Amino acid sequence: MKKGILASMVVLFVFFAGMGYAAEKTYTLRLATVVSPPHPWHEAANYLQKELEERTNGAVKVKIFGGSQLGSDQSTFEEMRMGTIDFVMGGATTLINFIPELGALNLPYFYSGIDQFRAVMDPQGPVVKKFKDIYASKNLGVTLLALGGGGTRVFSNNLKDVTGPEGLKGMKMRVPNSPKDAKIWSTAGALVVAMPWGEIYSALQTGVVNAFESTLSGYFGSKFYEVAKHMSNTQHIIMVSHFLMSDATAKKLPPEYMKIIEDVSDEVARIFTDKGEEFDKKIMKDLHEKYGVNISEVDVEAFMEIFQPLHDELMAADNNEDLLKLLRETRGAVSKK
């Protein structure tokens, strides 16, 4: 009898000790982004880092690697698929070769302003839900946690002030590895050159390219004011940022931690958009007053006349007319509220 009781006590001790060990297990997750602070992606990453550590009582920690420390958009994506990088915050359209539907998020002059964009990209709305389904359907080994803004995009160069499309003719312009971006800017007359974000600075120095387009935060954080002092305030696209997680990481985390990550992700999306807007206002002023950047206002209508007719053509090329229809319908619905 005593032996039986003793054996039961040993089993219970091992069981509860095991529970204690599991509860104390910690996870250190790596987050990669190609930009340097100040930038909305870093603000969102810092928020994620703080909230996950607090809400899991220190069990989940996030280590942030900015400035392309872990590689380009493409290489970090491949590592995330293998599970060696846990999170990525970046520009959604950098994955357009894997997910052609992302081209719908990169249509110039599609939104009337940031408020309309914010409503269309509601974390619980139909557009974000659709894109989560699209990412999942590709079986790429990653999960889309959030979509949001990231600031408006502008055109910059190191040759001259540009106020209209005619100024782009013959200019060597960096674009991301995206056929749609190449189509958009070549239609305006630029000679497009595809290259990773991390190579732009040296390419401007050596004359491989003379121009590029970016968010204001990206321009400022990468110190492009040192090598490209002519900025055109085109505001042609509101940047769409994504927050991705490796499926390998999701499988190793307890369900309760995954629920916390999903909850925090909605706020990450809002930070992307809100900080993008906030940083734009401050950075534009600082670039002119502190760093001597020549900022030119542009003939927006002239750019719109070239770019807006491309919307249907770009979506038809990948048979994404239904996705464009969803975006237009959602845009119309939120505009009536």
C-alpha atoms as a PDB file:
ATOM      1  CA  MET A   1       0.000   0.000   0.000  1.00  0.00           C
ATOM      2  CA  LYS A   2       2.740   2.406   1.009  1.00  0.00           C
ATOM      3  CA  LYS A   3       4.691   1.512  -2.114  1.00  0.00           C
ATOM      4  CA  GLY A   4       1.633   2.304  -4.244  1.00  0.00           C
ATOM      5  CA  ILE A   5       1.161   5.702  -2.598  1.00  0.00           C
ATOM      6  CA  LEU A   6       4.849   6.487  -3.015  1.00  0.00           C
ATOM      7  CA  ALA A   7       4.745   5.552  -6.683  1.00  0.00           C
ATOM      8  CA  SER A   8       1.710   7.787  -7.217  1.00  0.00           C
ATOM      9  CA  MET A   9       3.487  10.694  -5.536  1.00  0.00           C
ATOM     10  CA  VAL A  10       6.515  10.239  -7.784  1.00  0.00           C
ATOM     11  CA  VAL A  11       4.288  10.267 -10.893  1.00  0.00           C
ATOM     12  CA  LEU A  12       2.514  13.428  -9.735  1.00  0.00           C
ATOM     13  CA  PHE A  13       5.827  15.108  -8.943  1.00  0.00           C
ATOM     14  CA  VAL A  14       7.183  14.349 -12.418  1.00  0.00           C
ATOM     15  CA  PHE A  15       3.924  15.536 -14.018  1.00  0.00           C
ATOM     16  CA  PHE A  16       3.826  18.870 -12.230  1.00  0.00           C
ATOM     17  CA  ALA A  17       7.548  19.397 -12.667  1.00  0.00           C
ATOM     18  CA  GLY A  18       7.038  18.871 -16.368  1.00  0.00           C
ATOM     19  CA  MET A  19       4.236  21.425 -16.380  1.00  0.00           C
ATOM     20  CA  GLY A  20       6.452  23.912 -14.627  1.00  0.00           C
ATOM     21  CA  TYR A  21       9.220  23.334 -17.136  1.00  0.00           C
ATOM     22  CA  ALA A  22       6.851  23.905 -20.067  1.00  0.00           C
ATOM     23  CA  ALA A  23       5.520  27.081 -18.509  1.00  0.00           C
ATOM     24  CA  GLU A  24       9.024  28.392 -18.047  1.00  0.00           C
ATOM     25  CA  LYS A  25      10.136  27.657 -21.609  1.00  0.00           C
ATOM     26  CA  THR A  26      11.083  30.817 -23.483  1.00  0.00           C
ATOM     27  CA  TYR A  27      11.182  31.598 -27.188  1.00  0.00           C
ATOM     28  CA  THR A  28      13.474  34.170 -28.767  1.00  0.00           C
ATOM     29  CA  LEU A  29      12.116  35.089 -32.193  1.00  0.00           C
ATOM     30  CA  ARG A  30      13.972  36.960 -34.915  1.00  0.00           C
ATOM     31  CA  LEU A  31      12.283  39.776 -36.835  1.00  0.00           C
ATOM     32  CA  ALA A  32      13.838  41.121 -40.038  1.00  0.00           C
ATOM     33  CA  THR A  33      13.226  44.362 -41.913  1.00  0.00           C
ATOM     34  CA  VAL A  34      15.304  46.038 -44.610  1.00  0.00           C
ATOM     35  CA  VAL A  35      14.902  49.629 -43.401  1.00  0.00           C
ATOM     36  CA  SER A  36      16.561  51.647 -40.647  1.00  0.00           C
ATOM     37  CA  PRO A  37      14.776  53.789 -38.056  1.00  0.00           C
ATOM     38  CA  PRO A  38      12.949  56.089 -37.918  1.00  0.00           C
ATOM     39  CA  HIS A  39      10.377  54.111 -39.858  1.00  0.00           C
ATOM     40  CA  PRO A  40       6.835  52.788 -39.266  1.00  0.00           C
ATOM     41  CA  TRP A  41       8.101  49.205 -39.489  1.00  0.00           C
ATOM     42  CA  HIS A  42      10.498  49.807 -36.607  1.00  0.00           C
ATOM     43  CA  GLU A  43       7.760  51.461 -34.569  1.00  0.00           C
ATOM     44  CA  ALA A  44       5.538  48.443 -35.168  1.00  0.00           C
ATOM     45  CA  ALA A  45       8.388  46.035 -34.409  1.00  0.00           C
ATOM     46  CA  ASN A  46       9.140  47.786 -31.125  1.00  0.00           C
ATOM     47  CA  TYR A  47       5.466  47.606 -30.175  1.00  0.00           C
ATOM     48  CA  LEU A  48       5.339  43.894 -31.020  1.00  0.00           C
ATOM     49  CA  GLN A  49       8.490  43.250 -28.994  1.00  0.00           C
ATOM     50  CA  LYS A  50       7.113  45.029 -25.924  1.00  0.00           C
ATOM     51  CA  GLU A  51       3.606  43.575 -26.061  1.00  0.00           C
ATOM     52  CA  LEU A  52       4.647  39.967 -26.631  1.00  0.00           C
ATOM     53  CA  GLU A  53       7.105  40.014 -23.757  1.00  0.00           C
ATOM     54  CA  GLU A  54       4.565  41.612 -21.423  1.00  0.00           C
ATOM     55  CA  ARG A  55       1.569  39.476 -22.408  1.00  0.00           C
ATOM     56  CA  THR A  56       3.519  36.197 -22.179  1.00  0.00           C
ATOM     57  CA  ASN A  57       5.276  37.137 -18.927  1.00  0.00           C
ATOM     58  CA  GLY A  58       8.633  37.133 -20.683  1.00  0.00           C
ATOM     59  CA  ALA A  59       8.168  33.776 -22.427  1.00  0.00           C
ATOM     60  CA  VAL A  60       8.240  35.249 -25.945  1.00  0.00           C
ATOM     61  CA  LYS A  61      10.995  37.701 -26.775  1.00  0.00           C
ATOM     62  CA  VAL A  62      11.575  39.370 -30.144  1.00  0.00           C
ATOM     63  CA  LYS A  63      14.986  40.403 -31.438  1.00  0.00           C
ATOM     64  CA  ILE A  64      14.782  43.068 -34.167  1.00  0.00           C
ATOM     65  CA  PHE A  65      17.243  43.138 -37.087  1.00  0.00           C
ATOM     66  CA  GLY A  66      16.893  46.294 -39.200  1.00  0.00           C
ATOM     67  CA  GLY A  67      18.825  47.831 -42.072  1.00  0.00           C
ATOM     68  CA  SER A  68      18.982  44.581 -44.096  1.00  0.00           C
ATOM     69  CA  GLN A  69      21.183  42.956 -41.434  1.00  0.00           C
ATOM     70  CA  LEU A  70      19.695  39.562 -42.252  1.00  0.00           C
ATOM     71  CA  GLY A  71      19.541  40.162 -46.004  1.00  0.00           C
ATOM     72  CA  SER A  72      17.310  41.567 -48.717  1.00  0.00           C
ATOM     73  CA  ASP A  73      13.529  41.215 -48.910  1.00  0.00           C
ATOM     74  CA  GLN A  74      13.917  38.131 -51.081  1.00  0.00           C
ATOM     75  CA  SER A  75      16.567  36.399 -48.962  1.00  0.00           C
ATOM     76  CA  THR A  76      14.798  37.026 -45.654  1.00  0.00           C
ATOM     77  CA  PHE A  77      11.597  35.697 -47.174  1.00  0.00           C
ATOM     78  CA  GLU A  78      13.362  32.493 -48.210  1.00  0.00           C
ATOM     79  CA  GLU A  79      14.854  32.120 -44.726  1.00  0.00           C
ATOM     80  CA  MET A  80      11.462  32.673 -43.171  1.00  0.00           C
ATOM     81  CA  ARG A  81      10.062  29.866 -45.312  1.00  0.00           C
ATOM     82  CA  MET A  82      12.751  27.604 -43.855  1.00  0.00           C
ATOM     83  CA  GLY A  83      12.053  28.791 -40.316  1.00  0.00           C
ATOM     84  CA  THR A  84      15.406  30.470 -39.655  1.00  0.00           C
ATOM     85  CA  ILE A  85      13.708  33.893 -39.504  1.00  0.00           C
ATOM     86  CA  ASP A  86      10.457  34.103 -37.566  1.00  0.00           C
ATOM     87  CA  PHE A  87       8.921  37.446 -38.598  1.00  0.00           C
ATOM     88  CA  VAL A  88       9.300  39.899 -41.468  1.00  0.00           C
ATOM     89  CA  MET A  89       7.948  43.434 -41.709  1.00  0.00           C
ATOM     90  CA  GLY A  90       8.292  44.931 -45.158  1.00  0.00           C
ATOM     91  CA  GLY A  91       6.681  46.114 -48.350  1.00  0.00           C
ATOM     92  CA  ALA A  92       3.991  43.697 -49.463  1.00  0.00           C
ATOM     93  CA  THR A  93       4.684  44.079 -53.166  1.00  0.00           C
ATOM     94  CA  THR A  94       8.270  42.807 -52.807  1.00  0.00           C
ATOM     95  CA  LEU A  95       6.693  39.333 -52.965  1.00  0.00           C
ATOM     96  CA  ILE A  96       4.782  40.006 -56.155  1.00  0.00           C
ATOM     97  CA  ASN A  97       6.671  37.277 -58.035  1.00  0.00           C
ATOM     98  CA  PHE A  98       5.358  34.744 -55.506  1.00  0.00           C
ATOM     99  CA  ILE A  99       1.942  36.361 -55.055  1.00  0.00           C
ATOM    100  CA  PRO A 100       0.944  38.231 -58.242  1.00  0.00           C
ATOM    101  CA  GLU A 101      -2.277  39.402 -56.604  1.00  0.00           C
ATOM    102  CA  LEU A 102      -0.220  41.866 -54.542  1.00  0.00           C
ATOM    103  CA  GLY A 103      -0.024  44.081 -57.610  1.00  0.00           C
ATOM    104  CA  ALA A 104      -3.544  45.223 -56.738  1.00  0.00           C
ATOM    105  CA  LEU A 105      -2.121  46.954 -53.667  1.00  0.00           C
ATOM    106  CA  ASN A 106       0.356  48.967 -55.697  1.00  0.00           C
ATOM    107  CA  LEU A 107      -1.882  50.868 -58.098  1.00  0.00           C
ATOM    108  CA  PRO A 108      -0.897  54.548 -58.355  1.00  0.00           C
ATOM    109  CA  TYR A 109      -3.487  57.177 -57.421  1.00  0.00           C
ATOM    110  CA  PHE A 110      -6.055  54.572 -56.386  1.00  0.00           C
ATOM    111  CA  TYR A 111      -7.117  56.240 -53.124  1.00  0.00           C
ATOM    112  CA  SER A 112      -8.361  59.770 -52.532  1.00  0.00           C
ATOM    113  CA  GLY A 113      -6.325  60.015 -49.338  1.00  0.00           C
ATOM    114  CA  ILE A 114      -5.097  58.269 -46.206  1.00  0.00           C
ATOM    115  CA  ASP A 115      -8.514  58.132 -44.523  1.00  0.00           C
ATOM    116  CA  GLN A 116     -10.037  56.227 -47.433  1.00  0.00           C
ATOM    117  CA  PHE A 117      -7.020  53.899 -47.484  1.00  0.00           C
ATOM    118  CA  ARG A 118      -7.301  53.290 -43.734  1.00  0.00           C
ATOM    119  CA  ALA A 119     -10.961  52.316 -44.076  1.00  0.00           C
ATOM    120  CA  VAL A 120     -10.360  49.966 -47.010  1.00  0.00           C
ATOM    121  CA  MET A 121      -7.478  48.260 -45.173  1.00  0.00           C
ATOM    122  CA  ASP A 122      -9.445  47.695 -41.958  1.00  0.00           C
ATOM    123  CA  PRO A 123      -7.782  44.663 -40.258  1.00  0.00           C
ATOM    124  CA  GLN A 124     -11.194  42.999 -39.934  1.00  0.00           C
ATOM    125  CA  GLY A 125     -12.480  44.085 -43.341  1.00  0.00           C
ATOM    126  CA  PRO A 126     -13.055  42.120 -46.560  1.00  0.00           C
ATOM    127  CA  VAL A 127      -9.864  43.218 -48.335  1.00  0.00           C
ATOM    128  CA  VAL A 128      -7.469  42.096 -45.601  1.00  0.00           C
ATOM    129  CA  LYS A 129      -9.427  38.855 -45.127  1.00  0.00           C
ATOM    130  CA  LYS A 130      -9.165  38.177 -48.860  1.00  0.00           C
ATOM    131  CA  PHE A 131      -5.415  38.680 -48.868  1.00  0.00           C
ATOM    132  CA  LYS A 132      -4.944  36.427 -45.835  1.00  0.00           C
ATOM    133  CA  ASP A 133      -6.742  33.726 -47.794  1.00  0.00           C
ATOM    134  CA  ILE A 134      -4.581  34.415 -50.858  1.00  0.00           C
ATOM    135  CA  TYR A 135      -1.312  34.106 -48.886  1.00  0.00           C
ATOM    136  CA  ALA A 136      -2.550  30.864 -47.309  1.00  0.00           C
ATOM    137  CA  SER A 137      -3.544  29.410 -50.679  1.00  0.00           C
ATOM    138  CA  LYS A 138       0.007  29.734 -52.030  1.00  0.00           C
ATOM    139  CA  ASN A 139       1.463  27.246 -49.498  1.00  0.00           C
ATOM    140  CA  LEU A 140       4.631  29.305 -49.200  1.00  0.00           C
ATOM    141  CA  GLY A 141       5.342  28.415 -45.596  1.00  0.00           C
ATOM    142  CA  VAL A 142       4.380  31.850 -44.271  1.00  0.00           C
ATOM    143  CA  THR A 143       1.263  33.369 -42.744  1.00  0.00           C
ATOM    144  CA  LEU A 144       0.031  36.906 -43.331  1.00  0.00           C
ATOM    145  CA  LEU A 145      -0.679  38.423 -39.918  1.00  0.00           C
ATOM    146  CA  ALA A 146      -1.370  42.022 -40.918  1.00  0.00           C
ATOM    147  CA  LEU A 147      -1.581  44.524 -43.765  1.00  0.00           C
ATOM    148  CA  GLY A 148      -1.351  48.272 -43.240  1.00  0.00           C
ATOM    149  CA  GLY A 149       0.109  51.479 -44.560  1.00  0.00           C
ATOM    150  CA  GLY A 150       3.631  52.786 -44.300  1.00  0.00           C
ATOM    151  CA  GLY A 151       3.576  56.308 -45.655  1.00  0.00           C
ATOM    152  CA  THR A 152       3.099  57.810 -49.090  1.00  0.00           C
ATOM    153  CA  ARG A 153       5.609  57.190 -51.852  1.00  0.00           C
ATOM    154  CA  VAL A 154       7.471  59.947 -53.671  1.00  0.00           C
ATOM    155  CA  PHE A 155       9.914  60.171 -56.568  1.00  0.00           C
ATOM    156  CA  SER A 156      13.551  61.221 -55.971  1.00  0.00           C
ATOM    157  CA  ASN A 157      16.649  61.670 -58.123  1.00  0.00           C
ATOM    158  CA  ASN A 158      20.152  63.151 -58.140  1.00  0.00           C
ATOM    159  CA  LEU A 159      19.978  65.087 -61.432  1.00  0.00           C
ATOM    160  CA  LYS A 160      17.268  67.746 -61.477  1.00  0.00           C
ATOM    161  CA  ASP A 161      13.945  68.982 -60.156  1.00  0.00           C
ATOM    162  CA  VAL A 162      11.060  67.024 -61.690  1.00  0.00           C
ATOM    163  CA  THR A 163       7.543  68.474 -61.697  1.00  0.00           C
ATOM    164  CA  GLY A 164       5.848  66.335 -64.352  1.00  0.00           C
ATOM    165  CA  PRO A 165       6.101  63.032 -66.238  1.00  0.00           C
ATOM    166  CA  GLU A 166       8.197  64.620 -68.975  1.00  0.00           C
ATOM    167  CA  GLY A 167      11.053  64.971 -66.494  1.00  0.00           C
ATOM    168  CA  LEU A 168      11.379  61.191 -66.160  1.00  0.00           C
ATOM    169  CA  LYS A 169      12.131  60.525 -69.812  1.00  0.00           C
ATOM    170  CA  GLY A 170      15.449  58.728 -70.215  1.00  0.00           C
ATOM    171  CA  MET A 171      16.219  58.748 -66.478  1.00  0.00           C
ATOM    172  CA  LYS A 172      17.701  55.514 -65.072  1.00  0.00           C
ATOM    173  CA  MET A 173      15.321  54.564 -62.289  1.00  0.00           C
ATOM    174  CA  ARG A 174      15.522  51.831 -59.689  1.00  0.00           C
ATOM    175  CA  VAL A 175      12.390  49.742 -59.223  1.00  0.00           C
ATOM    176  CA  PRO A 176      11.850  46.661 -57.044  1.00  0.00           C
ATOM    177  CA  ASN A 177      11.829  43.249 -58.679  1.00  0.00           C
ATOM    178  CA  SER A 178       8.251  43.686 -59.866  1.00  0.00           C
ATOM    179  CA  PRO A 179       7.024  43.636 -63.470  1.00  0.00           C
ATOM    180  CA  LYS A 180       4.138  45.914 -62.525  1.00  0.00           C
ATOM    181  CA  ASP A 181       6.436  48.581 -61.094  1.00  0.00           C
ATOM    182  CA  ALA A 182       8.553  48.321 -64.213  1.00  0.00           C
ATOM    183  CA  LYS A 183       5.454  48.770 -66.387  1.00  0.00           C
ATOM    184  CA  ILE A 184       4.214  51.790 -64.411  1.00  0.00           C
ATOM    185  CA  TRP A 185       7.443  53.756 -64.554  1.00  0.00           C
ATOM    186  CA  SER A 186       8.512  52.778 -68.065  1.00  0.00           C
ATOM    187  CA  THR A 187       5.119  54.043 -69.260  1.00  0.00           C
ATOM    188  CA  ALA A 188       6.116  57.420 -67.818  1.00  0.00           C
ATOM    189  CA  GLY A 189       9.371  57.300 -69.814  1.00  0.00           C
ATOM    190  CA  ALA A 190      11.914  56.104 -67.222  1.00  0.00           C
ATOM    191  CA  LEU A 191      14.575  53.502 -68.002  1.00  0.00           C
ATOM    192  CA  VAL A 192      13.871  51.023 -65.222  1.00  0.00           C
ATOM    193  CA  VAL A 193      16.516  48.966 -63.405  1.00  0.00           C
ATOM    194  CA  ALA A 194      15.402  46.284 -60.917  1.00  0.00           C
ATOM    195  CA  MET A 195      17.533  45.996 -57.771  1.00  0.00           C
ATOM    196  CA  PRO A 196      17.166  45.309 -54.028  1.00  0.00           C
ATOM    197  CA  TRP A 197      16.534  48.175 -51.624  1.00  0.00           C
ATOM    198  CA  GLY A 198      19.928  47.780 -49.950  1.00  0.00           C
ATOM    199  CA  GLU A 199      21.785  48.519 -53.204  1.00  0.00           C
ATOM    200  CA  ILE A 200      20.129  51.856 -54.032  1.00  0.00           C
ATOM    201  CA  TYR A 201      22.550  54.121 -52.151  1.00  0.00           C
ATOM    202  CA  SER A 202      25.696  52.817 -53.855  1.00  0.00           C
ATOM    203  CA  ALA A 203      23.908  52.667 -57.230  1.00  0.00           C
ATOM    204  CA  LEU A 204      23.117  56.375 -56.933  1.00  0.00           C
ATOM    205  CA  GLN A 205      26.732  57.109 -56.037  1.00  0.00           C
ATOM    206  CA  THR A 206      28.123  55.215 -59.016  1.00  0.00           C
ATOM    207  CA  GLY A 207      25.516  56.310 -61.558  1.00  0.00           C
ATOM    208  CA  VAL A 208      24.016  52.866 -62.096  1.00  0.00           C
ATOM    209  CA  VAL A 209      20.715  54.625 -61.408  1.00  0.00           C
ATOM    210  CA  ASN A 210      19.789  58.273 -60.998  1.00  0.00           C
ATOM    211  CA  ALA A 211      16.305  57.950 -59.598  1.00  0.00           C
ATOM    212  CA  PHE A 212      14.007  55.828 -57.442  1.00  0.00           C
ATOM    213  CA  GLU A 213      10.703  56.042 -55.609  1.00  0.00           C
ATOM    214  CA  SER A 214      10.163  55.340 -51.917  1.00  0.00           C
ATOM    215  CA  THR A 215       8.303  56.289 -48.805  1.00  0.00           C
ATOM    216  CA  LEU A 216       9.546  59.392 -47.022  1.00  0.00           C
ATOM    217  CA  SER A 217      10.512  57.261 -44.015  1.00  0.00           C
ATOM    218  CA  GLY A 218      12.509  54.933 -46.239  1.00  0.00           C
ATOM    219  CA  TYR A 219      14.252  57.874 -47.910  1.00  0.00           C
ATOM    220  CA  PHE A 220      15.129  59.479 -44.594  1.00  0.00           C
ATOM    221  CA  GLY A 221      16.125  56.327 -42.716  1.00  0.00           C
ATOM    222  CA  SER A 222      18.499  55.256 -45.501  1.00  0.00           C
ATOM    223  CA  LYS A 223      20.027  58.766 -45.729  1.00  0.00           C
ATOM    224  CA  PHE A 224      19.241  59.141 -49.404  1.00  0.00           C
ATOM    225  CA  TYR A 225      19.293  62.913 -48.872  1.00  0.00           C
ATOM    226  CA  GLU A 226      23.077  62.521 -49.086  1.00  0.00           C
ATOM    227  CA  VAL A 227      23.002  61.203 -52.665  1.00  0.00           C
ATOM    228  CA  ALA A 228      19.644  62.279 -54.141  1.00  0.00           C
ATOM    229  CA  LYS A 229      18.638  65.807 -53.180  1.00  0.00           C
ATOM    230  CA  HIS A 230      15.824  66.295 -55.696  1.00  0.00           C
ATOM    231  CA  MET A 231      12.459  65.063 -54.453  1.00  0.00           C
ATOM    232  CA  SER A 232       9.137  65.258 -56.289  1.00  0.00           C
ATOM    233  CA  ASN A 233       6.125  65.183 -53.982  1.00  0.00           C
ATOM    234  CA  THR A 234       4.123  62.827 -56.181  1.00  0.00           C
ATOM    235  CA  GLN A 235       2.393  60.897 -53.362  1.00  0.00           C
ATOM    236  CA  HIS A 236       1.471  58.433 -56.097  1.00  0.00           C
ATOM    237  CA  ILE A 237       0.994  55.394 -53.857  1.00  0.00           C
ATOM    238  CA  ILE A 238       0.177  54.801 -50.211  1.00  0.00           C
ATOM    239  CA  MET A 239       2.652  52.133 -49.203  1.00  0.00           C
ATOM    240  CA  VAL A 240       1.174  48.780 -48.199  1.00  0.00           C
ATOM    241  CA  SER A 241       3.197  46.962 -45.551  1.00  0.00           C
ATOM    242  CA  HIS A 242       2.843  43.376 -44.478  1.00  0.00           C
ATOM    243  CA  PHE A 243       3.669  41.530 -41.264  1.00  0.00           C
ATOM    244  CA  LEU A 244       4.550  37.894 -41.932  1.00  0.00           C
ATOM    245  CA  MET A 245       5.268  34.900 -39.718  1.00  0.00           C
ATOM    246  CA  SER A 246       6.994  31.652 -40.563  1.00  0.00           C
ATOM    247  CA  ASP A 247       4.675  28.646 -40.441  1.00  0.00           C
ATOM    248  CA  ALA A 248       7.520  26.732 -38.805  1.00  0.00           C
ATOM    249  CA  THR A 249       7.471  29.250 -35.966  1.00  0.00           C
ATOM    250  CA  ALA A 250       3.700  29.051 -35.616  1.00  0.00           C
ATOM    251  CA  LYS A 251       3.902  25.271 -35.246  1.00  0.00           C
ATOM    252  CA  LYS A 252       6.401  25.401 -32.385  1.00  0.00           C
ATOM    253  CA  LEU A 253       4.555  28.001 -30.297  1.00  0.00           C
ATOM    254  CA  PRO A 254       1.788  27.077 -27.838  1.00  0.00           C
ATOM    255  CA  PRO A 255      -1.725  28.019 -29.021  1.00  0.00           C
ATOM    256  CA  GLU A 256      -2.133  30.638 -26.301  1.00  0.00           C
ATOM    257  CA  TYR A 257       0.955  32.483 -27.542  1.00  0.00           C
ATOM    258  CA  MET A 258      -0.274  32.339 -31.122  1.00  0.00           C
ATOM    259  CA  LYS A 259      -3.558  33.905 -30.001  1.00  0.00           C
ATOM    260  CA  ILE A 260      -1.610  36.775 -28.412  1.00  0.00           C
ATOM    261  CA  ILE A 261       0.400  37.307 -31.609  1.00  0.00           C
ATOM    262  CA  GLU A 262      -2.797  37.421 -33.662  1.00  0.00           C
ATOM    263  CA  ASP A 263      -4.362  39.923 -31.278  1.00  0.00           C
ATOM    264  CA  VAL A 264      -1.295  42.178 -31.377  1.00  0.00           C
ATOM    265  CA  SER A 265      -1.177  41.979 -35.181  1.00  0.00           C
ATOM    266  CA  ASP A 266      -4.284  44.125 -35.645  1.00  0.00           C
ATOM    267  CA  GLU A 267      -2.596  46.913 -33.716  1.00  0.00           C
ATOM    268  CA  VAL A 268       0.592  46.417 -35.756  1.00  0.00           C
ATOM    269  CA  ALA A 269      -1.476  47.123 -38.887  1.00  0.00           C
ATOM    270  CA  ARG A 270      -2.769  50.371 -37.403  1.00  0.00           C
ATOM    271  CA  ILE A 271       0.741  51.432 -36.373  1.00  0.00           C
ATOM    272  CA  PHE A 272       1.950  50.849 -39.942  1.00  0.00           C
ATOM    273  CA  THR A 273      -0.668  53.292 -41.228  1.00  0.00           C
ATOM    274  CA  ASP A 274      -0.744  55.860 -38.418  1.00  0.00           C
ATOM    275  CA  LYS A 275       3.019  56.170 -38.036  1.00  0.00           C
ATOM    276  CA  GLY A 276       3.419  56.379 -41.800  1.00  0.00           C
ATOM    277  CA  GLU A 277       1.147  59.409 -41.837  1.00  0.00           C
ATOM    278  CA  GLU A 278       2.784  60.944 -38.763  1.00  0.00           C
ATOM    279  CA  PHE A 279       6.335  60.501 -40.027  1.00  0.00           C
ATOM    280  CA  ASP A 280       5.502  61.899 -43.473  1.00  0.00           C
ATOM    281  CA  LYS A 281       4.500  65.260 -42.047  1.00  0.00           C
ATOM    282  CA  LYS A 282       7.611  65.667 -39.916  1.00  0.00           C
ATOM    283  CA  ILE A 283      10.129  64.219 -42.355  1.00  0.00           C
ATOM    284  CA  MET A 284       9.078  66.393 -45.297  1.00  0.00           C
ATOM    285  CA  LYS A 285       9.705  69.518 -43.218  1.00  0.00           C
ATOM    286  CA  ASP A 286      13.042  68.281 -41.855  1.00  0.00           C
ATOM    287  CA  LEU A 287      14.344  67.181 -45.245  1.00  0.00           C
ATOM    288  CA  HIS A 288      13.927  70.663 -46.646  1.00  0.00           C
ATOM    289  CA  GLU A 289      14.989  72.709 -43.625  1.00  0.00           C
ATOM    290  CA  LYS A 290      17.766  70.537 -42.145  1.00  0.00           C
ATOM    291  CA  TYR A 291      19.126  68.531 -45.065  1.00  0.00           C
ATOM    292  CA  GLY A 292      18.748  70.884 -48.021  1.00  0.00           C
ATOM    293  CA  VAL A 293      16.550  68.624 -50.139  1.00  0.00           C
ATOM    294  CA  ASN A 294      14.821  70.388 -53.037  1.00  0.00           C
ATOM    295  CA  ILE A 295      11.164  69.376 -52.791  1.00  0.00           C
ATOM    296  CA  SER A 296       9.091  70.062 -55.889  1.00  0.00           C
ATOM    297  CA  GLU A 297       5.310  70.037 -56.068  1.00  0.00           C
ATOM    298  CA  VAL A 298       4.155  68.216 -59.169  1.00  0.00           C
ATOM    299  CA  ASP A 299       1.423  68.279 -61.773  1.00  0.00           C
ATOM    300  CA  VAL A 300      -0.606  65.480 -60.150  1.00  0.00           C
ATOM    301  CA  GLU A 301      -3.210  65.434 -62.914  1.00  0.00           C
ATOM    302  CA  ALA A 302      -0.523  64.840 -65.532  1.00  0.00           C
ATOM    303  CA  PHE A 303       0.755  61.819 -63.587  1.00  0.00           C
ATOM    304  CA  MET A 304      -2.788  60.562 -63.025  1.00  0.00           C
ATOM    305  CA  GLU A 305      -3.524  60.736 -66.753  1.00  0.00           C
ATOM    306  CA  ILE A 306      -0.642  58.318 -67.372  1.00  0.00           C
ATOM    307  CA  PHE A 307      -1.013  56.013 -64.380  1.00  0.00           C
ATOM    308  CA  GLN A 308      -4.734  55.568 -63.712  1.00  0.00           C
ATOM    309  CA  PRO A 309      -5.546  54.002 -67.117  1.00  0.00           C
ATOM    310  CA  LEU A 310      -3.037  51.257 -66.247  1.00  0.00           C
ATOM    311  CA  HIS A 311      -5.142  49.910 -63.359  1.00  0.00           C
ATOM    312  CA  ASP A 312      -7.319  47.610 -65.455  1.00  0.00           C
ATOM    313  CA  GLU A 313      -4.474  46.571 -67.744  1.00  0.00           C
ATOM    314  CA  LEU A 314      -2.187  45.619 -64.849  1.00  0.00           C
ATOM    315  CA  MET A 315      -4.872  43.558 -63.138  1.00  0.00           C
ATOM    316  CA  ALA A 316      -6.014  41.880 -66.350  1.00  0.00           C
ATOM    317  CA  ALA A 317      -2.454  40.702 -67.041  1.00  0.00           C
ATOM    318  CA  ASP A 318      -2.711  38.332 -64.062  1.00  0.00           C
ATOM    319  CA  ASN A 319      -6.441  37.660 -64.315  1.00  0.00           C
ATOM    320  CA  ASN A 320      -7.066  39.647 -61.153  1.00  0.00           C
ATOM    321  CA  GLU A 321     -10.071  41.617 -62.344  1.00  0.00           C
ATOM    322  CA  ASP A 322     -12.177  40.202 -59.464  1.00  0.00           C
ATOM    323  CA  LEU A 323      -9.665  41.465 -56.922  1.00  0.00           C
ATOM    324  CA  LEU A 324      -9.693  44.920 -58.473  1.00  0.00           C
ATOM    325  CA  LYS A 325     -13.483  44.812 -58.352  1.00  0.00           C
ATOM    326  CA  LEU A 326     -13.374  43.982 -54.607  1.00  0.00           C
ATOM    327  CA  LEU A 327     -11.030  46.888 -53.952  1.00  0.00           C
ATOM    328  CA  ARG A 328     -13.213  49.295 -55.916  1.00  0.00           C
ATOM    329  CA  GLU A 329     -16.397  48.088 -54.238  1.00  0.00           C
ATOM    330  CA  THR A 330     -14.833  48.379 -50.773  1.00  0.00           C
ATOM    331  CA  ARG A 331     -13.487  51.816 -51.615  1.00  0.00           C
ATOM    332  CA  GLY A 332     -16.951  52.892 -52.729  1.00  0.00           C
ATOM    333  CA  ALA A 333     -18.618  51.427 -49.631  1.00  0.00           C
ATOM    334  CA  VAL A 334     -16.330  53.117 -47.102  1.00  0.00           C
ATOM    335  CA  SER A 335     -16.581  56.431 -48.968  1.00  0.00           C
ATOM    336  CA  LYS A 336     -20.350  56.491 -48.398  1.00  0.00           C
ATOM    337  CA  LYS A 337     -20.047  56.208 -44.615  1.00  0.00           C
END
